[in-house]
Amino acid sequence: MENQSDRETFFLTEEGHEAKVEKLKNLRHELYEELPDKLKEAKAHEGDLRENKEFMYLREKQDRLQAEVKRLEDLLDKAEIIDQSEIHTDMVSIGTKVILQPKEGDGSETYTLVSPAEVNLEENKISIDSPIGEALMGHQQGEEIVADTPSGERRYKILGIGE
């Protein structure tokens, strides 16, 4: 029987959960429907399989896909979907969108705080475990925070918090 303390919960937004489920579906399709035919075709070539570069490449790809499918299955098994109605905008927490003003420079930066499993820098989704994410958690609009990043100390003022 699984001990609850052995199970690490991952918090995902509904959007993030749907994206992981879709990715898993696509990987399974490739692994179980497309790849077997390609392997069969590559295996049909005459000669030693150890010298068949196409076959070896496809076997390595199969191994990578199996590992990724297992990782996603484990993640989704441990995932808890964040209830958007329970996200409060009076304090920074997972799932909130935060508008920051760097103390050095003009303009503002907007980030959404997510679990490490949902990080997407192109969409400004940063982890709650990142230096900036950790520094923001629990703070309110108007407060100033200091984040110890790999590039040095960064200071921000929280201009706004939303969903």
N, C-alpha and C. Protein backbone atom coordinates (compact mmCIF):
# COMPACT_ATOMS: atom_id res chain seq x y z
N MET A 1 0.84 -1.19 0.00
CA MET A 1 0.00 0.00 0.00
C MET A 1 0.88 1.25 0.00
N GLU A 2 0.49 2.22 -0.81
CA GLU A 2 1.29 3.44 -0.94
C GLU A 2 1.13 4.33 0.29
N ASN A 3 2.24 4.80 0.79
CA ASN A 3 2.25 5.73 1.90
C ASN A 3 2.06 7.13 1.33
N GLN A 4 1.14 7.91 1.88
CA GLN A 4 0.84 9.25 1.36
C GLN A 4 2.07 10.14 1.37
N SER A 5 2.97 9.94 2.36
CA SER A 5 4.17 10.78 2.40
C SER A 5 5.14 10.43 1.27
N ASP A 6 5.01 9.23 0.66
CA ASP A 6 5.85 8.85 -0.46
C ASP A 6 5.37 9.48 -1.76
N ARG A 7 4.20 10.04 -1.74
CA ARG A 7 3.60 10.59 -2.95
C ARG A 7 3.76 12.10 -2.96
N GLU A 8 4.45 12.61 -3.97
CA GLU A 8 4.63 14.05 -4.10
C GLU A 8 3.52 14.58 -5.00
N THR A 9 2.75 15.53 -4.50
CA THR A 9 1.66 16.09 -5.28
C THR A 9 2.17 17.22 -6.16
N PHE A 10 1.70 17.24 -7.40
CA PHE A 10 2.00 18.33 -8.32
C PHE A 10 0.72 19.11 -8.53
N PHE A 11 0.79 20.40 -8.38
CA PHE A 11 -0.37 21.24 -8.63
C PHE A 11 -0.31 21.71 -10.08
N LEU A 12 -1.41 21.54 -10.79
CA LEU A 12 -1.50 21.97 -12.17
C LEU A 12 -2.75 22.82 -12.36
N THR A 13 -2.63 23.82 -13.20
CA THR A 13 -3.83 24.55 -13.59
C THR A 13 -4.64 23.63 -14.49
N GLU A 14 -5.89 23.94 -14.69
CA GLU A 14 -6.73 23.12 -15.58
C GLU A 14 -6.14 23.13 -16.99
N GLU A 15 -5.68 24.28 -17.44
CA GLU A 15 -5.07 24.42 -18.76
C GLU A 15 -3.81 23.56 -18.86
N GLY A 16 -2.99 23.59 -17.82
CA GLY A 16 -1.76 22.80 -17.79
C GLY A 16 -2.05 21.31 -17.78
N HIS A 17 -3.07 20.91 -17.02
CA HIS A 17 -3.47 19.50 -16.95
C HIS A 17 -3.93 19.02 -18.33
N GLU A 18 -4.76 19.81 -18.98
CA GLU A 18 -5.26 19.45 -20.31
C GLU A 18 -4.10 19.33 -21.31
N ALA A 19 -3.12 20.22 -21.21
CA ALA A 19 -1.97 20.18 -22.12
C ALA A 19 -1.15 18.91 -21.89
N LYS A 20 -0.98 18.53 -20.63
CA LYS A 20 -0.22 17.30 -20.32
C LYS A 20 -0.98 16.07 -20.81
N VAL A 21 -2.29 16.05 -20.64
CA VAL A 21 -3.10 14.91 -21.11
C VAL A 21 -3.01 14.80 -22.63
N GLU A 22 -3.09 15.93 -23.33
CA GLU A 22 -2.99 15.93 -24.79
C GLU A 22 -1.61 15.47 -25.24
N LYS A 23 -0.57 15.94 -24.57
CA LYS A 23 0.78 15.51 -24.92
C LYS A 23 0.94 14.01 -24.71
N LEU A 24 0.40 13.48 -23.61
CA LEU A 24 0.47 12.05 -23.33
C LEU A 24 -0.25 11.25 -24.42
N LYS A 25 -1.41 11.75 -24.83
CA LYS A 25 -2.18 11.09 -25.89
C LYS A 25 -1.36 11.02 -27.18
N ASN A 26 -0.72 12.12 -27.54
CA ASN A 26 0.09 12.17 -28.76
C ASN A 26 1.30 11.26 -28.67
N LEU A 27 1.96 11.24 -27.52
CA LEU A 27 3.12 10.37 -27.34
C LEU A 27 2.73 8.89 -27.42
N ARG A 28 1.60 8.55 -26.79
CA ARG A 28 1.13 7.16 -26.85
C ARG A 28 0.80 6.76 -28.29
N HIS A 29 0.19 7.67 -29.04
CA HIS A 29 -0.13 7.38 -30.43
C HIS A 29 1.15 7.09 -31.22
N GLU A 30 2.13 7.95 -31.04
CA GLU A 30 3.40 7.76 -31.75
C GLU A 30 4.08 6.46 -31.31
N LEU A 31 4.10 6.20 -30.00
CA LEU A 31 4.79 5.03 -29.45
C LEU A 31 4.12 3.72 -29.82
N TYR A 32 2.80 3.67 -29.74
CA TYR A 32 2.09 2.39 -29.89
C TYR A 32 1.46 2.18 -31.27
N GLU A 33 1.32 3.25 -32.05
CA GLU A 33 0.68 3.09 -33.36
C GLU A 33 1.61 3.38 -34.53
N GLU A 34 2.42 4.43 -34.43
CA GLU A 34 3.28 4.79 -35.55
C GLU A 34 4.62 4.06 -35.52
N LEU A 35 5.26 4.06 -34.36
CA LEU A 35 6.60 3.52 -34.25
C LEU A 35 6.70 2.01 -34.54
N PRO A 36 5.77 1.19 -34.10
CA PRO A 36 5.88 -0.25 -34.41
C PRO A 36 5.96 -0.54 -35.92
N ASP A 37 5.19 0.18 -36.72
CA ASP A 37 5.25 -0.02 -38.17
C ASP A 37 6.62 0.39 -38.72
N LYS A 38 7.15 1.50 -38.23
CA LYS A 38 8.47 1.96 -38.69
C LYS A 38 9.56 0.97 -38.28
N LEU A 39 9.45 0.45 -37.05
CA LEU A 39 10.43 -0.55 -36.59
C LEU A 39 10.36 -1.82 -37.43
N LYS A 40 9.16 -2.25 -37.73
CA LYS A 40 8.96 -3.46 -38.53
C LYS A 40 9.58 -3.27 -39.92
N GLU A 41 9.36 -2.10 -40.49
CA GLU A 41 9.90 -1.80 -41.82
C GLU A 41 11.43 -1.76 -41.78
N ALA A 42 11.99 -1.12 -40.76
CA ALA A 42 13.45 -1.04 -40.64
C ALA A 42 14.06 -2.42 -40.38
N LYS A 43 13.37 -3.24 -39.62
CA LYS A 43 13.86 -4.57 -39.28
C LYS A 43 13.85 -5.48 -40.51
N ALA A 44 12.99 -5.20 -41.48
CA ALA A 44 12.85 -6.02 -42.68
C ALA A 44 14.08 -5.91 -43.59
N HIS A 45 14.87 -4.88 -43.41
CA HIS A 45 16.09 -4.75 -44.22
C HIS A 45 17.06 -5.86 -43.86
N GLU A 46 17.73 -6.37 -44.85
CA GLU A 46 18.69 -7.46 -44.65
C GLU A 46 19.87 -7.00 -43.81
N GLY A 47 20.49 -7.94 -43.12
CA GLY A 47 21.72 -7.64 -42.40
C GLY A 47 21.55 -7.68 -40.90
N ASP A 48 22.65 -7.43 -40.24
CA ASP A 48 22.73 -7.44 -38.78
C ASP A 48 22.00 -6.20 -38.25
N LEU A 49 21.07 -6.42 -37.32
CA LEU A 49 20.31 -5.29 -36.76
C LEU A 49 21.21 -4.29 -36.05
N ARG A 50 22.34 -4.77 -35.50
CA ARG A 50 23.26 -3.86 -34.80
C ARG A 50 23.93 -2.88 -35.76
N GLU A 51 23.90 -3.20 -37.04
CA GLU A 51 24.49 -2.33 -38.04
C GLU A 51 23.42 -1.54 -38.81
N ASN A 52 22.17 -1.76 -38.48
CA ASN A 52 21.06 -1.09 -39.15
C ASN A 52 20.80 0.23 -38.41
N LYS A 53 21.34 1.32 -38.96
CA LYS A 53 21.27 2.63 -38.29
C LYS A 53 19.83 3.10 -38.10
N GLU A 54 18.99 2.88 -39.10
CA GLU A 54 17.59 3.30 -38.97
C GLU A 54 16.90 2.56 -37.83
N PHE A 55 17.13 1.24 -37.77
CA PHE A 55 16.52 0.44 -36.71
C PHE A 55 17.03 0.88 -35.33
N MET A 56 18.34 1.10 -35.21
CA MET A 56 18.92 1.53 -33.93
C MET A 56 18.37 2.90 -33.52
N TYR A 57 18.26 3.80 -34.48
CA TYR A 57 17.70 5.13 -34.20
C TYR A 57 16.26 4.99 -33.68
N LEU A 58 15.46 4.17 -34.34
CA LEU A 58 14.06 3.99 -33.94
C LEU A 58 13.96 3.33 -32.57
N ARG A 59 14.85 2.41 -32.25
CA ARG A 59 14.85 1.77 -30.92
C ARG A 59 15.17 2.80 -29.84
N GLU A 60 16.15 3.66 -30.12
CA GLU A 60 16.49 4.73 -29.17
C GLU A 60 15.31 5.68 -29.00
N LYS A 61 14.66 6.00 -30.08
CA LYS A 61 13.48 6.87 -30.03
C LYS A 61 12.38 6.20 -29.21
N GLN A 62 12.20 4.90 -29.41
CA GLN A 62 11.20 4.15 -28.65
C GLN A 62 11.50 4.23 -27.15
N ASP A 63 12.77 4.07 -26.78
CA ASP A 63 13.17 4.16 -25.38
C ASP A 63 12.87 5.55 -24.80
N ARG A 64 13.19 6.59 -25.58
CA ARG A 64 12.92 7.97 -25.12
C ARG A 64 11.42 8.21 -24.96
N LEU A 65 10.64 7.73 -25.92
CA LEU A 65 9.18 7.90 -25.84
C LEU A 65 8.60 7.15 -24.64
N GLN A 66 9.09 5.93 -24.41
CA GLN A 66 8.60 5.16 -23.26
C GLN A 66 8.91 5.88 -21.96
N ALA A 67 10.09 6.45 -21.85
CA ALA A 67 10.47 7.19 -20.64
C ALA A 67 9.59 8.43 -20.45
N GLU A 68 9.33 9.15 -21.54
CA GLU A 68 8.49 10.35 -21.45
C GLU A 68 7.05 10.00 -21.12
N VAL A 69 6.52 8.92 -21.70
CA VAL A 69 5.16 8.46 -21.38
C VAL A 69 5.08 8.12 -19.90
N LYS A 70 6.06 7.39 -19.39
CA LYS A 70 6.07 7.00 -17.96
C LYS A 70 6.13 8.24 -17.07
N ARG A 71 6.98 9.21 -17.44
CA ARG A 71 7.11 10.44 -16.65
C ARG A 71 5.79 11.20 -16.61
N LEU A 72 5.13 11.33 -17.76
CA LEU A 72 3.85 12.04 -17.81
C LEU A 72 2.76 11.29 -17.06
N GLU A 73 2.74 9.97 -17.19
CA GLU A 73 1.75 9.17 -16.45
C GLU A 73 1.93 9.36 -14.95
N ASP A 74 3.18 9.32 -14.49
CA ASP A 74 3.45 9.52 -13.06
C ASP A 74 3.04 10.92 -12.61
N LEU A 75 3.37 11.92 -13.42
CA LEU A 75 3.02 13.30 -13.08
C LEU A 75 1.51 13.45 -12.99
N LEU A 76 0.79 12.94 -13.98
CA LEU A 76 -0.67 13.08 -13.99
C LEU A 76 -1.31 12.29 -12.85
N ASP A 77 -0.70 11.18 -12.48
CA ASP A 77 -1.20 10.38 -11.36
C ASP A 77 -1.10 11.16 -10.05
N LYS A 78 -0.07 11.98 -9.96
CA LYS A 78 0.17 12.74 -8.73
C LYS A 78 -0.38 14.17 -8.80
N ALA A 79 -0.98 14.52 -9.93
CA ALA A 79 -1.43 15.89 -10.14
C ALA A 79 -2.72 16.21 -9.39
N GLU A 80 -2.75 17.40 -8.86
CA GLU A 80 -3.97 17.95 -8.27
C GLU A 80 -4.27 19.23 -9.03
N ILE A 81 -5.47 19.29 -9.60
CA ILE A 81 -5.84 20.46 -10.40
C ILE A 81 -6.24 21.60 -9.47
N ILE A 82 -5.68 22.75 -9.74
CA ILE A 82 -5.98 23.94 -8.95
C ILE A 82 -7.38 24.43 -9.29
N ASP A 83 -8.19 24.62 -8.29
CA ASP A 83 -9.54 25.14 -8.49
C ASP A 83 -9.43 26.65 -8.67
N GLN A 84 -9.69 27.12 -9.88
CA GLN A 84 -9.56 28.55 -10.19
C GLN A 84 -10.41 29.42 -9.27
N SER A 85 -11.53 28.89 -8.81
CA SER A 85 -12.40 29.69 -7.94
C SER A 85 -11.79 29.90 -6.55
N GLU A 86 -10.77 29.11 -6.22
CA GLU A 86 -10.12 29.26 -4.92
C GLU A 86 -8.86 30.10 -4.96
N ILE A 87 -8.54 30.62 -6.15
CA ILE A 87 -7.38 31.50 -6.26
C ILE A 87 -7.81 32.90 -5.84
N HIS A 88 -7.14 33.41 -4.85
CA HIS A 88 -7.46 34.75 -4.35
C HIS A 88 -6.39 35.73 -4.85
N THR A 89 -6.84 36.91 -5.17
CA THR A 89 -5.92 37.90 -5.71
C THR A 89 -5.43 38.89 -4.66
N ASP A 90 -5.67 38.59 -3.40
CA ASP A 90 -5.18 39.49 -2.35
C ASP A 90 -3.75 39.15 -1.94
N MET A 91 -3.24 37.97 -2.44
CA MET A 91 -1.92 37.53 -2.06
C MET A 91 -1.37 36.64 -3.19
N VAL A 92 -0.08 36.70 -3.43
CA VAL A 92 0.54 35.89 -4.47
C VAL A 92 0.54 34.42 -4.04
N SER A 93 0.04 33.56 -4.93
CA SER A 93 0.06 32.13 -4.70
C SER A 93 0.11 31.42 -6.04
N ILE A 94 0.18 30.11 -6.02
CA ILE A 94 0.22 29.35 -7.25
C ILE A 94 -1.06 29.63 -8.05
N GLY A 95 -0.87 29.87 -9.35
CA GLY A 95 -2.00 30.16 -10.22
C GLY A 95 -2.28 31.64 -10.41
N THR A 96 -1.64 32.50 -9.62
CA THR A 96 -1.90 33.93 -9.78
C THR A 96 -0.97 34.54 -10.83
N LYS A 97 -1.47 35.60 -11.46
CA LYS A 97 -0.69 36.38 -12.41
C LYS A 97 -0.22 37.62 -11.65
N VAL A 98 1.07 37.91 -11.75
CA VAL A 98 1.65 38.99 -10.96
C VAL A 98 2.33 39.99 -11.90
N ILE A 99 2.02 41.27 -11.67
CA ILE A 99 2.66 42.34 -12.44
C ILE A 99 3.71 42.97 -11.53
N LEU A 100 4.95 42.96 -12.02
CA LEU A 100 6.08 43.46 -11.23
C LEU A 100 6.75 44.63 -11.90
N GLN A 101 7.25 45.53 -11.07
CA GLN A 101 8.05 46.64 -11.58
C GLN A 101 9.46 46.44 -11.02
N PRO A 102 10.44 46.24 -11.92
CA PRO A 102 11.81 46.10 -11.44
C PRO A 102 12.27 47.42 -10.81
N LYS A 103 12.99 47.33 -9.70
CA LYS A 103 13.48 48.54 -9.04
C LYS A 103 14.54 49.22 -9.89
N GLU A 104 15.25 48.43 -10.72
CA GLU A 104 16.23 49.00 -11.63
C GLU A 104 15.60 49.00 -13.02
N GLY A 105 15.26 50.13 -13.52
CA GLY A 105 14.71 50.19 -14.87
C GLY A 105 13.25 50.57 -14.91
N ASP A 106 12.78 50.75 -16.13
CA ASP A 106 11.40 51.16 -16.36
C ASP A 106 10.58 49.95 -16.79
N GLY A 107 9.28 50.18 -16.94
CA GLY A 107 8.39 49.15 -17.46
C GLY A 107 7.94 48.18 -16.38
N SER A 108 7.31 47.14 -16.84
CA SER A 108 6.82 46.12 -15.92
C SER A 108 6.98 44.75 -16.54
N GLU A 109 6.92 43.73 -15.70
CA GLU A 109 7.01 42.34 -16.12
C GLU A 109 5.81 41.61 -15.54
N THR A 110 5.20 40.75 -16.32
CA THR A 110 4.05 39.98 -15.85
C THR A 110 4.38 38.50 -15.89
N TYR A 111 4.14 37.82 -14.78
CA TYR A 111 4.40 36.39 -14.67
C TYR A 111 3.18 35.70 -14.09
N THR A 112 2.99 34.44 -14.48
CA THR A 112 2.01 33.57 -13.84
C THR A 112 2.79 32.54 -13.06
N LEU A 113 2.45 32.36 -11.79
CA LEU A 113 3.14 31.39 -10.96
C LEU A 113 2.50 30.02 -11.11
N VAL A 114 3.30 29.03 -11.46
CA VAL A 114 2.83 27.67 -11.70
C VAL A 114 3.76 26.68 -11.01
N SER A 115 3.35 25.41 -11.03
CA SER A 115 4.21 24.36 -10.49
C SER A 115 5.39 24.15 -11.44
N PRO A 116 6.46 23.51 -10.96
CA PRO A 116 7.60 23.25 -11.83
C PRO A 116 7.22 22.45 -13.08
N ALA A 117 6.19 21.64 -13.00
CA ALA A 117 5.77 20.82 -14.14
C ALA A 117 5.12 21.63 -15.25
N GLU A 118 4.76 22.87 -14.98
CA GLU A 118 4.04 23.69 -15.96
C GLU A 118 4.83 24.87 -16.49
N VAL A 119 6.08 25.00 -16.09
CA VAL A 119 6.89 26.15 -16.48
C VAL A 119 6.93 26.28 -18.00
N ASN A 120 6.72 27.51 -18.46
CA ASN A 120 6.80 27.82 -19.89
C ASN A 120 7.25 29.28 -19.99
N LEU A 121 8.54 29.47 -20.20
CA LEU A 121 9.09 30.82 -20.19
C LEU A 121 8.58 31.66 -21.35
N GLU A 122 8.22 31.04 -22.46
CA GLU A 122 7.67 31.79 -23.60
C GLU A 122 6.33 32.42 -23.25
N GLU A 123 5.61 31.80 -22.31
CA GLU A 123 4.32 32.34 -21.87
C GLU A 123 4.44 33.04 -20.51
N ASN A 124 5.66 33.29 -20.06
CA ASN A 124 5.94 33.93 -18.77
C ASN A 124 5.34 33.17 -17.59
N LYS A 125 5.33 31.84 -17.69
CA LYS A 125 4.89 30.99 -16.58
C LYS A 125 6.13 30.53 -15.85
N ILE A 126 6.30 31.03 -14.62
CA ILE A 126 7.49 30.68 -13.85
C ILE A 126 7.10 29.81 -12.66
N SER A 127 8.05 29.03 -12.21
CA SER A 127 7.82 28.10 -11.12
C SER A 127 7.74 28.82 -9.77
N ILE A 128 6.89 28.28 -8.92
CA ILE A 128 6.83 28.78 -7.54
C ILE A 128 8.12 28.44 -6.81
N ASP A 129 8.91 27.51 -7.38
CA ASP A 129 10.19 27.13 -6.77
C ASP A 129 11.37 27.90 -7.34
N SER A 130 11.13 28.76 -8.34
CA SER A 130 12.21 29.58 -8.89
C SER A 130 12.55 30.68 -7.89
N PRO A 131 13.72 31.29 -8.01
CA PRO A 131 14.06 32.37 -7.07
C PRO A 131 13.02 33.49 -7.01
N ILE A 132 12.52 33.92 -8.17
CA ILE A 132 11.52 34.99 -8.17
C ILE A 132 10.19 34.46 -7.63
N GLY A 133 9.81 33.26 -8.04
CA GLY A 133 8.57 32.65 -7.54
C GLY A 133 8.56 32.49 -6.03
N GLU A 134 9.67 31.98 -5.49
CA GLU A 134 9.76 31.81 -4.03
C GLU A 134 9.67 33.16 -3.32
N ALA A 135 10.35 34.17 -3.88
CA ALA A 135 10.33 35.50 -3.25
C ALA A 135 8.94 36.12 -3.27
N LEU A 136 8.13 35.80 -4.29
CA LEU A 136 6.81 36.39 -4.43
C LEU A 136 5.74 35.75 -3.54
N MET A 137 5.86 34.46 -3.31
CA MET A 137 4.80 33.71 -2.62
C MET A 137 4.42 34.36 -1.29
N GLY A 138 3.12 34.57 -1.12
CA GLY A 138 2.59 35.10 0.13
C GLY A 138 2.59 36.62 0.24
N HIS A 139 3.17 37.30 -0.74
CA HIS A 139 3.22 38.76 -0.68
C HIS A 139 1.99 39.38 -1.31
N GLN A 140 1.80 40.68 -1.03
CA GLN A 140 0.61 41.38 -1.49
C GLN A 140 0.99 42.55 -2.40
N GLN A 141 -0.03 43.06 -3.10
CA GLN A 141 0.17 44.21 -3.98
C GLN A 141 0.74 45.37 -3.19
N GLY A 142 1.70 46.06 -3.80
CA GLY A 142 2.33 47.21 -3.17
C GLY A 142 3.60 46.86 -2.41
N GLU A 143 3.78 45.59 -2.09
CA GLU A 143 4.98 45.19 -1.35
C GLU A 143 6.17 45.09 -2.29
N GLU A 144 7.34 45.23 -1.68
CA GLU A 144 8.58 45.06 -2.43
C GLU A 144 9.20 43.74 -2.02
N ILE A 145 9.77 43.04 -3.02
CA ILE A 145 10.40 41.76 -2.74
C ILE A 145 11.83 41.77 -3.27
N VAL A 146 12.64 40.87 -2.72
CA VAL A 146 14.01 40.69 -3.16
C VAL A 146 14.17 39.23 -3.53
N ALA A 147 14.65 38.97 -4.75
CA ALA A 147 14.87 37.59 -5.21
C ALA A 147 16.36 37.39 -5.43
N ASP A 148 16.90 36.34 -4.85
CA ASP A 148 18.30 35.98 -5.06
C ASP A 148 18.38 35.06 -6.27
N THR A 149 18.69 35.64 -7.43
CA THR A 149 18.75 34.87 -8.67
C THR A 149 20.20 34.51 -8.99
N PRO A 150 20.42 33.58 -9.91
CA PRO A 150 21.79 33.25 -10.30
C PRO A 150 22.58 34.45 -10.82
N SER A 151 21.87 35.44 -11.38
CA SER A 151 22.56 36.62 -11.89
C SER A 151 22.67 37.73 -10.85
N GLY A 152 22.29 37.43 -9.62
CA GLY A 152 22.40 38.40 -8.55
C GLY A 152 21.05 38.76 -7.95
N GLU A 153 21.11 39.65 -6.99
CA GLU A 153 19.90 40.08 -6.28
C GLU A 153 19.05 40.96 -7.19
N ARG A 154 17.74 40.65 -7.25
CA ARG A 154 16.80 41.45 -8.05
C ARG A 154 15.69 41.95 -7.14
N ARG A 155 15.35 43.21 -7.27
CA ARG A 155 14.31 43.83 -6.44
C ARG A 155 13.13 44.22 -7.32
N TYR A 156 11.93 43.95 -6.80
CA TYR A 156 10.69 44.25 -7.54
C TYR A 156 9.67 44.85 -6.59
N LYS A 157 8.76 45.61 -7.17
CA LYS A 157 7.56 46.06 -6.47
C LYS A 157 6.39 45.35 -7.14
N ILE A 158 5.47 44.80 -6.33
CA ILE A 158 4.31 44.11 -6.86
C ILE A 158 3.25 45.15 -7.20
N LEU A 159 2.98 45.34 -8.51
CA LEU A 159 2.00 46.32 -8.97
C LEU A 159 0.58 45.78 -8.98
N GLY A 160 0.45 44.48 -9.20
CA GLY A 160 -0.89 43.90 -9.27
C GLY A 160 -0.86 42.39 -9.19
N ILE A 161 -1.98 41.82 -8.75
CA ILE A 161 -2.15 40.37 -8.65
C ILE A 161 -3.49 40.02 -9.26
N GLY A 162 -3.52 39.05 -10.14
CA GLY A 162 -4.78 38.64 -10.77
C GLY A 162 -4.79 37.15 -11.01
N GLU A 163 -5.86 36.68 -11.68
CA GLU A 163 -6.00 35.26 -11.99
C GLU A 163 -5.51 34.98 -13.39
